[in-house]
Amino acid sequence: MPIMNDYKRMPLISSGEWKGGEPETCTWTQGMFHNMYKTKCGHSHYFENGTATDYGFVYCPFCGKPIKDIPYSG
């Protein structure tokens, strides 16, 4: 498993240099019932009131990647 840099959540190669590129995100897609999300890493999450952004979620609690919040587009 690669060493992770907490600031950017990007893997470091063994020499300590940046691997480069943008960190991979975990897409959270809002469902028809706006408080329910499906995650790219295969989980579901429910918020009582509001969205992932409203609750201050920045990183996915399941996989640790930065969250990309996708609103419902019914």
N, C-alpha and C. Protein backbone atom coordinates (compact mmCIF):
# COMPACT_ATOMS: atom_id res chain seq x y z
N MET A 1 0.85 -1.19 0.00
CA MET A 1 0.00 0.00 0.00
C MET A 1 0.90 1.25 0.00
N PRO A 2 0.59 2.22 -0.87
CA PRO A 2 1.45 3.41 -0.94
C PRO A 2 1.30 4.29 0.30
N ILE A 3 2.34 5.05 0.56
CA ILE A 3 2.30 6.04 1.63
C ILE A 3 1.42 7.19 1.16
N MET A 4 0.53 7.68 2.04
CA MET A 4 -0.38 8.75 1.66
C MET A 4 0.03 10.06 2.33
N ASN A 5 -0.08 11.14 1.61
CA ASN A 5 0.16 12.47 2.14
C ASN A 5 -1.19 13.02 2.58
N ASP A 6 -1.33 13.36 3.86
CA ASP A 6 -2.63 13.80 4.38
C ASP A 6 -3.09 15.12 3.79
N TYR A 7 -2.18 15.99 3.38
CA TYR A 7 -2.58 17.30 2.88
C TYR A 7 -3.34 17.18 1.57
N LYS A 8 -2.83 16.43 0.63
CA LYS A 8 -3.45 16.32 -0.69
C LYS A 8 -4.09 14.95 -0.92
N ARG A 9 -3.90 14.01 0.00
CA ARG A 9 -4.41 12.64 -0.14
C ARG A 9 -3.91 12.02 -1.46
N MET A 10 -2.65 12.27 -1.76
CA MET A 10 -2.06 11.73 -2.98
C MET A 10 -0.95 10.75 -2.60
N PRO A 11 -0.84 9.62 -3.30
CA PRO A 11 0.21 8.67 -2.99
C PRO A 11 1.59 9.23 -3.31
N LEU A 12 2.55 8.87 -2.50
CA LEU A 12 3.94 9.22 -2.75
C LEU A 12 4.64 7.99 -3.32
N ILE A 13 5.57 8.20 -4.23
CA ILE A 13 6.36 7.06 -4.68
C ILE A 13 7.49 6.86 -3.68
N SER A 14 8.17 5.74 -3.73
CA SER A 14 9.14 5.38 -2.69
C SER A 14 10.26 6.39 -2.53
N SER A 15 10.60 7.16 -3.56
CA SER A 15 11.67 8.14 -3.45
C SER A 15 11.21 9.40 -2.71
N GLY A 16 9.93 9.50 -2.40
CA GLY A 16 9.41 10.66 -1.69
C GLY A 16 8.91 11.75 -2.63
N GLU A 17 8.98 11.55 -3.93
CA GLU A 17 8.50 12.55 -4.88
C GLU A 17 7.01 12.34 -5.15
N TRP A 18 6.34 13.43 -5.56
CA TRP A 18 4.91 13.32 -5.88
C TRP A 18 4.69 12.43 -7.08
N LYS A 19 3.65 11.60 -7.00
CA LYS A 19 3.24 10.80 -8.15
C LYS A 19 2.61 11.71 -9.20
N GLY A 20 1.99 12.80 -8.73
CA GLY A 20 1.43 13.80 -9.63
C GLY A 20 -0.04 13.60 -9.90
N GLY A 21 -0.63 14.60 -10.53
CA GLY A 21 -2.04 14.52 -10.89
C GLY A 21 -2.95 14.92 -9.75
N GLU A 22 -4.22 14.97 -10.06
CA GLU A 22 -5.25 15.30 -9.07
C GLU A 22 -5.60 14.04 -8.28
N PRO A 23 -5.97 14.20 -7.01
CA PRO A 23 -6.37 13.02 -6.24
C PRO A 23 -7.68 12.44 -6.78
N GLU A 24 -7.80 11.14 -6.75
CA GLU A 24 -9.03 10.48 -7.19
C GLU A 24 -10.13 10.81 -6.18
N THR A 25 -11.34 11.03 -6.66
CA THR A 25 -12.45 11.38 -5.78
C THR A 25 -13.43 10.22 -5.65
N CYS A 26 -14.24 10.29 -4.60
CA CYS A 26 -15.34 9.36 -4.43
C CYS A 26 -16.61 10.15 -4.71
N THR A 27 -17.26 9.83 -5.83
CA THR A 27 -18.46 10.55 -6.23
C THR A 27 -19.64 10.10 -5.37
N TRP A 28 -20.31 11.08 -4.74
CA TRP A 28 -21.52 10.83 -3.96
C TRP A 28 -22.68 11.38 -4.77
N THR A 29 -23.55 10.50 -5.26
CA THR A 29 -24.68 10.90 -6.10
C THR A 29 -25.95 10.91 -5.27
N GLN A 30 -26.58 12.07 -5.24
CA GLN A 30 -27.80 12.25 -4.47
C GLN A 30 -28.95 11.54 -5.18
N GLY A 31 -29.75 10.79 -4.42
CA GLY A 31 -30.86 10.04 -4.98
C GLY A 31 -32.13 10.87 -5.07
N MET A 32 -33.20 10.22 -5.53
CA MET A 32 -34.50 10.87 -5.66
C MET A 32 -34.98 11.41 -4.31
N PHE A 33 -34.70 10.67 -3.26
CA PHE A 33 -34.96 11.15 -1.90
C PHE A 33 -33.69 11.87 -1.49
N HIS A 34 -33.71 13.17 -1.49
CA HIS A 34 -32.51 14.01 -1.46
C HIS A 34 -31.55 13.77 -0.31
N ASN A 35 -31.96 13.08 0.72
CA ASN A 35 -31.07 12.83 1.85
C ASN A 35 -30.28 11.53 1.69
N MET A 36 -30.54 10.76 0.64
CA MET A 36 -29.87 9.48 0.42
C MET A 36 -28.84 9.62 -0.70
N TYR A 37 -27.64 9.12 -0.42
CA TYR A 37 -26.55 9.16 -1.39
C TYR A 37 -26.06 7.75 -1.69
N LYS A 38 -25.64 7.53 -2.94
CA LYS A 38 -24.91 6.33 -3.34
C LYS A 38 -23.48 6.78 -3.59
N THR A 39 -22.51 6.03 -3.08
CA THR A 39 -21.11 6.40 -3.24
C THR A 39 -20.45 5.59 -4.34
N LYS A 40 -19.41 6.16 -4.93
CA LYS A 40 -18.65 5.47 -5.98
C LYS A 40 -17.99 4.21 -5.43
N CYS A 41 -17.68 4.21 -4.12
CA CYS A 41 -17.00 3.06 -3.51
C CYS A 41 -17.99 1.97 -3.07
N GLY A 42 -19.29 2.12 -3.45
CA GLY A 42 -20.24 1.04 -3.25
C GLY A 42 -21.07 1.08 -1.98
N HIS A 43 -21.15 2.21 -1.33
CA HIS A 43 -21.94 2.32 -0.10
C HIS A 43 -23.11 3.29 -0.30
N SER A 44 -23.99 3.31 0.67
CA SER A 44 -25.08 4.29 0.72
C SER A 44 -24.96 5.04 2.03
N HIS A 45 -25.39 6.30 2.02
CA HIS A 45 -25.35 7.10 3.25
C HIS A 45 -26.59 7.99 3.29
N TYR A 46 -27.20 8.08 4.47
CA TYR A 46 -28.41 8.87 4.66
C TYR A 46 -28.13 10.02 5.61
N PHE A 47 -28.59 11.22 5.25
CA PHE A 47 -28.51 12.38 6.12
C PHE A 47 -29.92 12.75 6.56
N GLU A 48 -30.10 13.03 7.84
CA GLU A 48 -31.41 13.38 8.38
C GLU A 48 -31.96 14.64 7.72
N ASN A 49 -31.16 15.68 7.65
CA ASN A 49 -31.55 16.95 7.01
C ASN A 49 -30.33 17.50 6.28
N GLY A 50 -30.48 17.88 5.04
CA GLY A 50 -29.38 18.51 4.32
C GLY A 50 -28.60 17.55 3.45
N THR A 51 -27.47 18.04 2.96
CA THR A 51 -26.63 17.31 2.02
C THR A 51 -25.28 17.00 2.65
N ALA A 52 -24.46 16.25 1.93
CA ALA A 52 -23.11 15.94 2.40
C ALA A 52 -22.32 17.24 2.63
N THR A 53 -22.48 18.18 1.73
CA THR A 53 -21.80 19.47 1.86
C THR A 53 -22.31 20.23 3.09
N ASP A 54 -23.63 20.21 3.31
CA ASP A 54 -24.21 20.89 4.48
C ASP A 54 -23.63 20.35 5.78
N TYR A 55 -23.36 19.05 5.81
CA TYR A 55 -22.83 18.41 7.02
C TYR A 55 -21.31 18.52 7.11
N GLY A 56 -20.68 19.16 6.14
CA GLY A 56 -19.24 19.36 6.19
C GLY A 56 -18.41 18.15 5.81
N PHE A 57 -19.01 17.19 5.11
CA PHE A 57 -18.26 16.02 4.67
C PHE A 57 -17.30 16.44 3.56
N VAL A 58 -16.02 16.18 3.75
CA VAL A 58 -14.99 16.48 2.75
C VAL A 58 -14.40 15.19 2.21
N TYR A 59 -14.20 14.21 3.11
CA TYR A 59 -13.64 12.92 2.73
C TYR A 59 -14.66 11.82 2.98
N CYS A 60 -14.68 10.83 2.12
CA CYS A 60 -15.59 9.70 2.26
C CYS A 60 -15.18 8.89 3.50
N PRO A 61 -16.12 8.64 4.42
CA PRO A 61 -15.77 7.85 5.60
C PRO A 61 -15.56 6.37 5.29
N PHE A 62 -15.90 5.94 4.09
CA PHE A 62 -15.76 4.54 3.71
C PHE A 62 -14.42 4.26 3.04
N CYS A 63 -13.99 5.14 2.12
CA CYS A 63 -12.74 4.88 1.38
C CYS A 63 -11.66 5.94 1.63
N GLY A 64 -12.02 7.08 2.23
CA GLY A 64 -11.04 8.11 2.56
C GLY A 64 -10.71 9.09 1.45
N LYS A 65 -11.30 8.93 0.28
CA LYS A 65 -11.02 9.84 -0.84
C LYS A 65 -11.85 11.11 -0.71
N PRO A 66 -11.41 12.22 -1.32
CA PRO A 66 -12.21 13.45 -1.31
C PRO A 66 -13.56 13.20 -1.98
N ILE A 67 -14.62 13.79 -1.42
CA ILE A 67 -15.97 13.62 -1.95
C ILE A 67 -16.25 14.62 -3.05
N LYS A 68 -16.85 14.13 -4.13
CA LYS A 68 -17.40 14.98 -5.18
C LYS A 68 -18.91 14.82 -5.08
N ASP A 69 -19.60 15.85 -4.61
CA ASP A 69 -21.03 15.81 -4.35
C ASP A 69 -21.80 16.11 -5.63
N ILE A 70 -22.62 15.15 -6.10
CA ILE A 70 -23.41 15.30 -7.31
C ILE A 70 -24.89 15.43 -6.92
N PRO A 71 -25.51 16.58 -7.14
CA PRO A 71 -26.93 16.75 -6.77
C PRO A 71 -27.85 15.91 -7.64
N TYR A 72 -29.03 15.67 -7.13
CA TYR A 72 -30.05 14.91 -7.86
C TYR A 72 -30.46 15.68 -9.11
N SER A 73 -30.57 14.97 -10.22
CA SER A 73 -30.97 15.63 -11.48
C SER A 73 -32.10 14.87 -12.15
N GLY A 74 -33.16 14.61 -11.38
CA GLY A 74 -34.30 13.81 -11.80
C GLY A 74 -34.88 14.18 -13.07
